[in-house]
Amino acid sequence: MADRRRVQDEREARRFLPAVERSGVNRSEWARARGIDGRSLRAWEMNLARRGTRPGPRRSREGAAPRGLVELVPVAPSGAVGGSARYVLELAGTRLEFGDDAAVTTLRRVIEALRR
């Protein structure tokens, strides 16, 4: 792995990432074939996505975003007996906690923000 170089800067990452998608091979294979550290490329991909300056998830051939299972697990409020149930949603490194008493309009705004 010592012979693999890191992605130098944002400009280089923005050039490489679309090339990976166009290639049709996975990121690791693409990087390995070019002597690039795949972890460095992945780190740039995540940082650009967090900033909102990178397109969303890869689309399938039919044009739909990949879907996954979202598990909502009720969590008892700390130190409370009874009361409203608590839910914890962990998705892509983001943790969201809410209860049965959360306003529907607030949850909609939060979900819209996460979609972006």
N, C-alpha and C. Protein backbone atom coordinates (compact mmCIF):
# COMPACT_ATOMS: atom_id res chain seq x y z
N MET A 1 0.83 -1.20 0.00
CA MET A 1 0.00 0.00 0.00
C MET A 1 0.86 1.25 0.00
N ALA A 2 2.15 1.12 0.34
CA ALA A 2 3.05 2.26 0.43
C ALA A 2 3.24 2.93 -0.93
N ASP A 3 3.09 2.20 -2.03
CA ASP A 3 3.30 2.78 -3.34
C ASP A 3 2.07 3.53 -3.87
N ARG A 4 0.99 3.54 -3.12
CA ARG A 4 -0.21 4.24 -3.55
C ARG A 4 -0.19 5.67 -3.01
N ARG A 5 -0.47 6.62 -3.89
CA ARG A 5 -0.44 8.02 -3.46
C ARG A 5 -1.83 8.49 -3.06
N ARG A 6 -1.86 9.47 -2.20
CA ARG A 6 -3.12 10.06 -1.75
C ARG A 6 -3.64 11.04 -2.80
N VAL A 7 -4.94 11.28 -2.78
CA VAL A 7 -5.53 12.30 -3.64
C VAL A 7 -5.01 13.63 -3.11
N GLN A 8 -4.45 14.45 -3.99
CA GLN A 8 -3.74 15.67 -3.57
C GLN A 8 -4.64 16.77 -3.04
N ASP A 9 -5.75 17.03 -3.73
CA ASP A 9 -6.59 18.16 -3.33
C ASP A 9 -8.02 17.98 -3.87
N GLU A 10 -8.88 18.94 -3.55
CA GLU A 10 -10.27 18.87 -3.96
C GLU A 10 -10.41 18.85 -5.48
N ARG A 11 -9.60 19.63 -6.15
CA ARG A 11 -9.68 19.67 -7.61
C ARG A 11 -9.42 18.30 -8.22
N GLU A 12 -8.41 17.63 -7.70
CA GLU A 12 -8.09 16.29 -8.20
C GLU A 12 -9.22 15.31 -7.87
N ALA A 13 -9.77 15.41 -6.67
CA ALA A 13 -10.88 14.53 -6.26
C ALA A 13 -12.08 14.74 -7.17
N ARG A 14 -12.38 16.00 -7.51
CA ARG A 14 -13.51 16.29 -8.39
C ARG A 14 -13.28 15.77 -9.81
N ARG A 15 -12.06 15.60 -10.19
CA ARG A 15 -11.75 15.02 -11.50
C ARG A 15 -11.84 13.50 -11.45
N PHE A 16 -11.37 12.90 -10.35
CA PHE A 16 -11.34 11.45 -10.23
C PHE A 16 -12.72 10.83 -10.02
N LEU A 17 -13.53 11.42 -9.14
CA LEU A 17 -14.80 10.79 -8.77
C LEU A 17 -15.74 10.56 -9.95
N PRO A 18 -15.93 11.54 -10.83
CA PRO A 18 -16.78 11.25 -12.00
C PRO A 18 -16.15 10.19 -12.91
N ALA A 19 -14.81 10.18 -12.98
CA ALA A 19 -14.13 9.18 -13.80
C ALA A 19 -14.40 7.77 -13.27
N VAL A 20 -14.43 7.64 -11.94
CA VAL A 20 -14.74 6.34 -11.33
C VAL A 20 -16.14 5.90 -11.75
N GLU A 21 -17.11 6.80 -11.66
CA GLU A 21 -18.49 6.46 -12.01
C GLU A 21 -18.63 6.09 -13.48
N ARG A 22 -17.92 6.81 -14.34
CA ARG A 22 -17.99 6.52 -15.78
C ARG A 22 -17.33 5.19 -16.12
N SER A 23 -16.35 4.78 -15.32
CA SER A 23 -15.57 3.58 -15.62
C SER A 23 -16.39 2.29 -15.51
N GLY A 24 -17.38 2.29 -14.63
CA GLY A 24 -18.19 1.10 -14.43
C GLY A 24 -17.57 0.08 -13.49
N VAL A 25 -16.40 0.38 -12.92
CA VAL A 25 -15.79 -0.51 -11.93
C VAL A 25 -15.90 0.14 -10.57
N ASN A 26 -15.68 -0.66 -9.52
CA ASN A 26 -15.81 -0.05 -8.19
C ASN A 26 -14.60 0.85 -7.90
N ARG A 27 -14.76 1.71 -6.93
CA ARG A 27 -13.76 2.72 -6.57
C ARG A 27 -12.41 2.09 -6.25
N SER A 28 -12.41 0.99 -5.50
CA SER A 28 -11.16 0.34 -5.10
C SER A 28 -10.37 -0.14 -6.32
N GLU A 29 -11.05 -0.81 -7.24
CA GLU A 29 -10.39 -1.30 -8.45
C GLU A 29 -9.84 -0.16 -9.28
N TRP A 30 -10.64 0.89 -9.43
CA TRP A 30 -10.24 2.05 -10.23
C TRP A 30 -8.98 2.67 -9.63
N ALA A 31 -9.01 2.89 -8.31
CA ALA A 31 -7.87 3.52 -7.63
C ALA A 31 -6.63 2.64 -7.71
N ARG A 32 -6.78 1.35 -7.46
CA ARG A 32 -5.64 0.42 -7.50
C ARG A 32 -4.97 0.43 -8.86
N ALA A 33 -5.78 0.44 -9.92
CA ALA A 33 -5.23 0.42 -11.28
C ALA A 33 -4.44 1.68 -11.60
N ARG A 34 -4.66 2.76 -10.85
CA ARG A 34 -3.98 4.03 -11.11
C ARG A 34 -2.97 4.41 -10.03
N GLY A 35 -2.74 3.48 -9.08
CA GLY A 35 -1.76 3.74 -8.03
C GLY A 35 -2.22 4.78 -7.02
N ILE A 36 -3.53 4.88 -6.84
CA ILE A 36 -4.10 5.87 -5.91
C ILE A 36 -4.63 5.15 -4.69
N ASP A 37 -4.47 5.75 -3.53
CA ASP A 37 -4.98 5.19 -2.28
C ASP A 37 -6.51 5.30 -2.29
N GLY A 38 -7.20 4.17 -2.34
CA GLY A 38 -8.67 4.15 -2.38
C GLY A 38 -9.30 4.79 -1.16
N ARG A 39 -8.63 4.67 0.00
CA ARG A 39 -9.17 5.29 1.22
C ARG A 39 -9.15 6.81 1.12
N SER A 40 -8.12 7.35 0.50
CA SER A 40 -8.03 8.79 0.30
C SER A 40 -9.15 9.27 -0.62
N LEU A 41 -9.39 8.51 -1.68
CA LEU A 41 -10.46 8.87 -2.61
C LEU A 41 -11.82 8.80 -1.92
N ARG A 42 -12.03 7.77 -1.10
CA ARG A 42 -13.28 7.62 -0.37
C ARG A 42 -13.48 8.77 0.62
N ALA A 43 -12.40 9.18 1.28
CA ALA A 43 -12.49 10.29 2.23
C ALA A 43 -12.92 11.57 1.52
N TRP A 44 -12.36 11.83 0.34
CA TRP A 44 -12.77 13.00 -0.43
C TRP A 44 -14.23 12.89 -0.85
N GLU A 45 -14.65 11.71 -1.26
CA GLU A 45 -16.04 11.49 -1.67
C GLU A 45 -16.99 11.81 -0.51
N MET A 46 -16.65 11.33 0.68
CA MET A 46 -17.51 11.58 1.85
C MET A 46 -17.50 13.06 2.22
N ASN A 47 -16.34 13.71 2.20
CA ASN A 47 -16.26 15.13 2.56
C ASN A 47 -17.06 15.99 1.59
N LEU A 48 -16.96 15.71 0.31
CA LEU A 48 -17.72 16.48 -0.67
C LEU A 48 -19.22 16.24 -0.51
N ALA A 49 -19.60 15.02 -0.21
CA ALA A 49 -21.02 14.71 0.00
C ALA A 49 -21.55 15.43 1.24
N ARG A 50 -20.75 15.46 2.30
CA ARG A 50 -21.18 16.15 3.54
C ARG A 50 -21.40 17.63 3.29
N ARG A 51 -20.56 18.21 2.47
CA ARG A 51 -20.68 19.64 2.15
C ARG A 51 -21.83 19.90 1.21
N GLY A 52 -22.36 18.84 0.62
CA GLY A 52 -23.45 19.03 -0.33
C GLY A 52 -22.96 19.47 -1.70
N THR A 53 -21.67 19.28 -1.96
CA THR A 53 -21.12 19.70 -3.24
C THR A 53 -20.85 18.52 -4.16
N ARG A 54 -21.36 17.38 -3.80
CA ARG A 54 -21.20 16.16 -4.60
C ARG A 54 -22.59 15.62 -4.87
N PRO A 55 -22.86 15.12 -6.08
CA PRO A 55 -24.18 14.53 -6.35
C PRO A 55 -24.51 13.43 -5.36
N GLY A 56 -25.78 13.16 -5.20
CA GLY A 56 -26.27 12.15 -4.27
C GLY A 56 -25.83 10.76 -4.64
N PRO A 57 -26.51 9.76 -4.09
CA PRO A 57 -26.11 8.37 -4.32
C PRO A 57 -26.19 8.00 -5.79
N ARG A 58 -25.38 7.03 -6.14
CA ARG A 58 -25.40 6.51 -7.51
C ARG A 58 -26.80 6.03 -7.86
N ARG A 59 -27.20 6.27 -9.07
CA ARG A 59 -28.52 5.83 -9.53
C ARG A 59 -28.39 4.45 -10.17
N SER A 60 -29.42 3.67 -10.04
CA SER A 60 -29.42 2.37 -10.71
C SER A 60 -29.69 2.61 -12.19
N ARG A 61 -29.62 1.56 -12.97
CA ARG A 61 -29.84 1.70 -14.41
C ARG A 61 -31.23 2.25 -14.72
N GLU A 62 -32.21 1.97 -13.85
CA GLU A 62 -33.57 2.45 -14.09
C GLU A 62 -33.72 3.90 -13.66
N GLY A 63 -32.69 4.49 -13.04
CA GLY A 63 -32.75 5.89 -12.64
C GLY A 63 -33.22 6.11 -11.21
N ALA A 64 -33.53 5.07 -10.47
CA ALA A 64 -33.99 5.24 -9.09
C ALA A 64 -32.82 5.17 -8.13
N ALA A 65 -32.89 5.96 -7.08
CA ALA A 65 -31.83 5.93 -6.07
C ALA A 65 -31.88 4.58 -5.34
N PRO A 66 -30.71 4.05 -4.99
CA PRO A 66 -30.71 2.79 -4.25
C PRO A 66 -31.48 2.96 -2.94
N ARG A 67 -32.20 1.94 -2.55
CA ARG A 67 -32.98 2.01 -1.32
C ARG A 67 -32.41 1.06 -0.30
N GLY A 68 -32.60 1.41 0.95
CA GLY A 68 -32.14 0.55 2.02
C GLY A 68 -33.19 0.47 3.10
N LEU A 69 -32.98 -0.41 4.02
CA LEU A 69 -33.89 -0.59 5.14
C LEU A 69 -33.54 0.42 6.23
N VAL A 70 -34.54 1.09 6.74
CA VAL A 70 -34.35 2.00 7.86
C VAL A 70 -35.07 1.38 9.04
N GLU A 71 -34.33 1.08 10.08
CA GLU A 71 -34.90 0.44 11.26
C GLU A 71 -35.12 1.48 12.35
N LEU A 72 -36.34 1.61 12.81
CA LEU A 72 -36.67 2.51 13.91
C LEU A 72 -36.83 1.68 15.17
N VAL A 73 -36.03 1.98 16.16
CA VAL A 73 -36.04 1.20 17.39
C VAL A 73 -36.46 2.11 18.53
N PRO A 74 -37.57 1.79 19.23
CA PRO A 74 -37.96 2.63 20.36
C PRO A 74 -36.94 2.50 21.49
N VAL A 75 -36.60 3.63 22.08
CA VAL A 75 -35.64 3.65 23.18
C VAL A 75 -36.32 4.32 24.37
N ALA A 76 -36.26 3.69 25.52
CA ALA A 76 -36.87 4.27 26.72
C ALA A 76 -36.11 5.55 27.09
N PRO A 77 -36.83 6.63 27.43
CA PRO A 77 -36.16 7.86 27.84
C PRO A 77 -35.31 7.60 29.08
N SER A 78 -34.14 8.21 29.12
CA SER A 78 -33.25 7.97 30.26
C SER A 78 -33.86 8.55 31.53
N GLY A 79 -33.89 7.74 32.56
CA GLY A 79 -34.39 8.17 33.87
C GLY A 79 -35.90 8.33 33.95
N ALA A 80 -36.63 7.97 32.92
CA ALA A 80 -38.08 8.16 32.94
C ALA A 80 -38.77 6.80 32.96
N VAL A 81 -39.89 6.78 33.62
CA VAL A 81 -40.72 5.57 33.64
C VAL A 81 -42.02 5.95 32.95
N GLY A 82 -42.37 5.18 31.93
CA GLY A 82 -43.59 5.51 31.18
C GLY A 82 -43.34 6.68 30.25
N GLY A 83 -44.38 7.43 29.92
CA GLY A 83 -44.22 8.59 29.04
C GLY A 83 -44.16 8.18 27.58
N SER A 84 -43.72 9.09 26.77
CA SER A 84 -43.68 8.87 25.32
C SER A 84 -42.49 8.00 24.94
N ALA A 85 -42.67 7.14 23.95
CA ALA A 85 -41.57 6.29 23.46
C ALA A 85 -40.57 7.17 22.73
N ARG A 86 -39.30 6.78 22.76
CA ARG A 86 -38.22 7.49 22.07
C ARG A 86 -37.73 6.61 20.93
N TYR A 87 -37.36 7.22 19.84
CA TYR A 87 -36.85 6.50 18.68
C TYR A 87 -35.48 7.08 18.31
N VAL A 88 -34.61 6.20 17.85
CA VAL A 88 -33.27 6.61 17.42
C VAL A 88 -33.10 6.13 15.98
N LEU A 89 -32.76 7.05 15.11
CA LEU A 89 -32.51 6.74 13.71
C LEU A 89 -31.05 7.07 13.43
N GLU A 90 -30.27 6.05 13.06
CA GLU A 90 -28.87 6.25 12.70
C GLU A 90 -28.72 5.92 11.23
N LEU A 91 -28.24 6.88 10.46
CA LEU A 91 -28.13 6.72 9.02
C LEU A 91 -26.92 7.49 8.52
N ALA A 92 -25.99 6.79 7.90
CA ALA A 92 -24.80 7.41 7.31
C ALA A 92 -24.08 8.33 8.29
N GLY A 93 -23.90 7.86 9.51
CA GLY A 93 -23.15 8.63 10.50
C GLY A 93 -23.94 9.73 11.18
N THR A 94 -25.22 9.83 10.89
CA THR A 94 -26.08 10.84 11.52
C THR A 94 -27.01 10.15 12.49
N ARG A 95 -27.17 10.71 13.67
CA ARG A 95 -28.05 10.14 14.69
C ARG A 95 -29.18 11.14 14.96
N LEU A 96 -30.41 10.66 14.85
CA LEU A 96 -31.59 11.48 15.08
C LEU A 96 -32.45 10.80 16.13
N GLU A 97 -32.76 11.51 17.19
CA GLU A 97 -33.62 10.96 18.25
C GLU A 97 -34.89 11.80 18.31
N PHE A 98 -36.02 11.13 18.43
CA PHE A 98 -37.30 11.83 18.56
C PHE A 98 -38.27 10.94 19.30
N GLY A 99 -39.35 11.53 19.77
CA GLY A 99 -40.35 10.79 20.52
C GLY A 99 -41.70 10.82 19.84
N ASP A 100 -42.64 10.10 20.43
CA ASP A 100 -44.00 10.09 19.90
C ASP A 100 -44.59 11.49 19.90
N ASP A 101 -44.06 12.35 20.75
CA ASP A 101 -44.60 13.70 20.87
C ASP A 101 -44.01 14.67 19.84
N ALA A 102 -43.15 14.20 18.95
CA ALA A 102 -42.55 15.08 17.93
C ALA A 102 -43.62 15.55 16.95
N ALA A 103 -43.56 16.80 16.57
CA ALA A 103 -44.52 17.36 15.63
C ALA A 103 -44.26 16.80 14.23
N VAL A 104 -45.30 16.42 13.54
CA VAL A 104 -45.19 15.87 12.20
C VAL A 104 -44.49 16.86 11.27
N THR A 105 -44.83 18.13 11.36
CA THR A 105 -44.21 19.13 10.49
C THR A 105 -42.71 19.23 10.74
N THR A 106 -42.30 19.10 11.99
CA THR A 106 -40.87 19.14 12.32
C THR A 106 -40.16 17.94 11.73
N LEU A 107 -40.74 16.75 11.89
CA LEU A 107 -40.13 15.54 11.32
C LEU A 107 -40.02 15.65 9.80
N ARG A 108 -41.02 16.20 9.15
CA ARG A 108 -40.96 16.37 7.69
C ARG A 108 -39.81 17.29 7.30
N ARG A 109 -39.63 18.40 8.03
CA ARG A 109 -38.53 19.33 7.72
C ARG A 109 -37.18 18.65 7.91
N VAL A 110 -37.04 17.87 8.97
CA VAL A 110 -35.78 17.16 9.25
C VAL A 110 -35.50 16.15 8.14
N ILE A 111 -36.51 15.37 7.75
CA ILE A 111 -36.32 14.38 6.70
C ILE A 111 -35.95 15.04 5.38
N GLU A 112 -36.57 16.17 5.06
CA GLU A 112 -36.23 16.90 3.84
C GLU A 112 -34.79 17.36 3.88
N ALA A 113 -34.34 17.84 5.03
CA ALA A 113 -32.94 18.28 5.16
C ALA A 113 -31.98 17.12 4.97
N LEU A 114 -32.34 15.94 5.50
CA LEU A 114 -31.49 14.76 5.34
C LEU A 114 -31.44 14.29 3.90
N ARG A 115 -32.53 14.44 3.18
CA ARG A 115 -32.57 14.02 1.77
C ARG A 115 -31.62 14.84 0.92
N ARG A 116 -31.43 16.09 1.30
CA ARG A 116 -30.52 16.97 0.53
C ARG A 116 -29.13 16.53 0.76
